[in-house]
C-alpha atoms as a PDB file:
ATOM      1  CA  UNK A   1     -46.498-176.368-234.200  1.00  0.00           C
ATOM      2  CA  UNK A   2     -43.261-174.946-232.768  1.00  0.00           C
ATOM      3  CA  UNK A   3     -42.246-174.161-229.260  1.00  0.00           C
ATOM      4  CA  UNK A   4     -41.497-170.468-230.171  1.00  0.00           C
ATOM      5  CA  UNK A   5     -45.191-170.179-231.367  1.00  0.00           C
ATOM      6  CA  UNK A   6     -46.281-171.867-228.177  1.00  0.00           C
ATOM      7  CA  UNK A   7     -44.610-169.689-226.082  1.00  0.00           C
ATOM      8  CA  UNK A   8     -45.735-166.514-227.644  1.00  0.00           C
ATOM      9  CA  UNK A   9     -49.327-167.593-227.587  1.00  0.00           C
ATOM     10  CA  UNK A  10     -48.712-168.209-223.634  1.00  0.00           C
ATOM     11  CA  UNK A  11     -47.361-164.707-223.228  1.00  0.00           C
ATOM     12  CA  UNK A  12     -50.558-163.215-225.229  1.00  0.00           C
ATOM     13  CA  UNK A  13     -53.023-165.080-222.777  1.00  0.00           C
ATOM     14  CA  UNK A  14     -50.890-164.161-219.698  1.00  0.00           C
ATOM     15  CA  UNK A  15     -50.102-160.541-220.770  1.00  0.00           C
ATOM     16  CA  UNK A  16     -52.674-159.046-223.109  1.00  0.00           C
ATOM     17  CA  UNK A  17     -51.104-156.443-225.569  1.00  0.00           C
ATOM     18  CA  UNK A  18     -52.071-152.773-224.846  1.00  0.00           C
ATOM     19  CA  UNK A  19     -53.798-150.951-227.603  1.00  0.00           C
ATOM     20  CA  UNK A  20     -54.952-154.375-228.832  1.00  0.00           C
ATOM     21  CA  UNK A  21     -58.667-155.489-228.658  1.00  0.00           C
ATOM     22  CA  UNK A  22     -59.531-156.925-225.220  1.00  0.00           C
ATOM     23  CA  UNK A  23     -59.341-160.792-224.868  1.00  0.00           C
ATOM     24  CA  UNK A  24     -61.989-162.130-222.371  1.00  0.00           C
ATOM     25  CA  UNK A  25     -61.726-165.856-222.631  1.00  0.00           C
ATOM     26  CA  UNK A  26     -64.752-167.804-220.989  1.00  0.00           C
ATOM     27  CA  UNK A  27     -64.246-170.149-218.110  1.00  0.00           C
ATOM     28  CA  UNK A  28     -64.405-173.045-220.507  1.00  0.00           C
ATOM     29  CA  UNK A  29     -61.571-171.255-222.533  1.00  0.00           C
ATOM     30  CA  UNK A  30     -59.688-170.563-219.612  1.00  0.00           C
ATOM     31  CA  UNK A  31     -59.820-174.302-218.560  1.00  0.00           C
ATOM     32  CA  UNK A  32     -58.979-175.134-222.080  1.00  0.00           C
ATOM     33  CA  UNK A  33     -55.631-172.974-222.139  1.00  0.00           C
ATOM     34  CA  UNK A  34     -54.907-174.248-218.734  1.00  0.00           C
ATOM     35  CA  UNK A  35     -54.974-177.943-219.249  1.00  0.00           C
ATOM     36  CA  UNK A  36     -53.220-177.788-222.513  1.00  0.00           C
ATOM     37  CA  UNK A  37     -50.414-175.609-221.036  1.00  0.00           C
ATOM     38  CA  UNK A  38     -50.080-178.125-218.191  1.00  0.00           C
ATOM     39  CA  UNK A  39     -49.913-180.868-220.554  1.00  0.00           C
ATOM     40  CA  UNK A  40     -47.231-179.414-222.590  1.00  0.00           C
ATOM     41  CA  UNK A  41     -45.120-178.087-219.663  1.00  0.00           C
ATOM     42  CA  UNK A  42     -45.554-180.706-216.961  1.00  0.00           C
ATOM     43  CA  UNK A  43     -46.990-183.814-219.074  1.00  0.00           C
ATOM     44  CA  UNK A  44     -49.906-186.163-217.698  1.00  0.00           C
ATOM     45  CA  UNK A  45     -51.701-185.058-214.368  1.00  0.00           C
ATOM     46  CA  UNK A  46     -49.401-186.139-211.407  1.00  0.00           C
ATOM     47  CA  UNK A  47     -51.107-184.883-208.284  1.00  0.00           C
ATOM     48  CA  UNK A  48     -53.806-186.327-206.316  1.00  0.00           C
ATOM     49  CA  UNK A  49     -57.664-185.091-207.130  1.00  0.00           C
ATOM     50  CA  UNK A  50     -58.209-182.178-204.826  1.00  0.00           C
ATOM     51  CA  UNK A  51     -60.936-182.702-202.060  1.00  0.00           C
ATOM     52  CA  UNK A  52     -64.775-182.189-202.122  1.00  0.00           C
ATOM     53  CA  UNK A  53     -65.046-178.579-201.181  1.00  0.00           C
ATOM     54  CA  UNK A  54     -62.315-177.357-203.529  1.00  0.00           C
ATOM     55  CA  UNK A  55     -64.272-176.744-206.748  1.00  0.00           C
ATOM     56  CA  UNK A  56     -62.122-174.753-208.723  1.00  0.00           C
ATOM     57  CA  UNK A  57     -59.144-176.991-207.842  1.00  0.00           C
ATOM     58  CA  UNK A  58     -61.347-180.125-208.887  1.00  0.00           C
ATOM     59  CA  UNK A  59     -62.357-178.098-212.017  1.00  0.00           C
ATOM     60  CA  UNK A  60     -58.754-177.600-212.919  1.00  0.00           C
ATOM     61  CA  UNK A  61     -57.661-181.039-212.143  1.00  0.00           C
ATOM     62  CA  UNK A  62     -60.486-182.726-213.984  1.00  0.00           C
ATOM     63  CA  UNK A  63     -59.524-180.566-217.185  1.00  0.00           C
ATOM     64  CA  UNK A  64     -56.101-181.412-217.155  1.00  0.00           C
ATOM     65  CA  UNK A  65     -56.827-185.113-216.413  1.00  0.00           C
ATOM     66  CA  UNK A  66     -58.981-184.932-219.545  1.00  0.00           C
ATOM     67  CA  UNK A  67     -55.959-184.501-221.719  1.00  0.00           C
ATOM     68  CA  UNK A  68     -53.936-187.449-220.154  1.00  0.00           C
ATOM     69  CA  UNK A  69     -51.869-189.156-222.883  1.00  0.00           C
ATOM     70  CA  UNK A  70     -51.969-186.311-225.252  1.00  0.00           C
ATOM     71  CA  UNK A  71     -48.565-185.489-226.789  1.00  0.00           C
ATOM     72  CA  UNK A  72     -46.575-182.425-226.106  1.00  0.00           C
ATOM     73  CA  UNK A  73     -46.975-181.434-229.891  1.00  0.00           C
ATOM     74  CA  UNK A  74     -50.840-182.017-230.036  1.00  0.00           C
ATOM     75  CA  UNK A  75     -51.236-179.855-226.694  1.00  0.00           C
ATOM     76  CA  UNK A  76     -49.168-177.207-228.293  1.00  0.00           C
ATOM     77  CA  UNK A  77     -50.979-177.139-231.339  1.00  0.00           C
ATOM     78  CA  UNK A  78     -54.655-177.371-229.622  1.00  0.00           C
ATOM     79  CA  UNK A  79     -53.457-174.200-227.434  1.00  0.00           C
ATOM     80  CA  UNK A  80     -52.179-172.012-230.257  1.00  0.00           C
ATOM     81  CA  UNK A  81     -55.221-173.050-232.723  1.00  0.00           C
ATOM     82  CA  UNK A  82     -57.632-171.965-229.758  1.00  0.00           C
ATOM     83  CA  UNK A  83     -55.964-168.798-228.945  1.00  0.00           C
ATOM     84  CA  UNK A  84     -55.604-167.922-232.649  1.00  0.00           C
ATOM     85  CA  UNK A  85     -59.782-168.381-233.105  1.00  0.00           C
ATOM     86  CA  UNK A  86     -60.169-166.358-229.890  1.00  0.00           C
ATOM     87  CA  UNK A  87     -58.097-163.597-231.471  1.00  0.00           C
ATOM     88  CA  UNK A  88     -59.744-163.992-234.748  1.00  0.00           C
ATOM     89  CA  UNK A  89     -63.282-163.367-233.087  1.00  0.00           C
ATOM     90  CA  UNK A  90     -62.059-160.275-231.346  1.00  0.00           C
ATOM     91  CA  UNK A  91     -60.481-158.950-234.580  1.00  0.00           C
ATOM     92  CA  UNK A  92     -56.812-159.049-233.201  1.00  0.00           C
ATOM     93  CA  UNK A  93     -54.891-159.608-236.434  1.00  0.00           C
ATOM     94  CA  UNK A  94     -51.609-158.177-234.886  1.00  0.00           C
ATOM     95  CA  UNK A  95     -51.650-160.848-232.359  1.00  0.00           C
ATOM     96  CA  UNK A  96     -52.415-163.651-234.644  1.00  0.00           C
ATOM     97  CA  UNK A  97     -49.242-162.450-236.891  1.00  0.00           C
ATOM     98  CA  UNK A  98     -47.002-162.224-233.965  1.00  0.00           C
ATOM     99  CA  UNK A  99     -47.942-165.919-233.137  1.00  0.00           C
ATOM    100  CA  UNK A 100     -47.694-167.004-236.776  1.00  0.00           C
ATOM    101  CA  UNK A 101     -44.120-164.754-237.123  1.00  0.00           C
ATOM    102  CA  UNK A 102     -42.844-166.836-234.210  1.00  0.00           C
ATOM    103  CA  UNK A 103     -40.422-169.874-235.369  1.00  0.00           C
END
């Protein structure tokens, strides 16, 4: 999976395209995208786990920690593949073609 395809995929997740089917990732899908994005851009989790009352922070930290040791290439591929599955489920073939065209 190329860095260019990953970059396009990240842009689609962060900035849904006007005039295309609406993408509404579930909470689990959002955590999936988050943890793989962090693994590609930062690497292994490098912060302390948030405190007891920070439920959202703990969920995000735990998600990121779950991919500890995963290579950047594998994380990029997982991110792009998951996005393409989500786009396919809502019929957004234009966005899939946009990701596939990036080299």
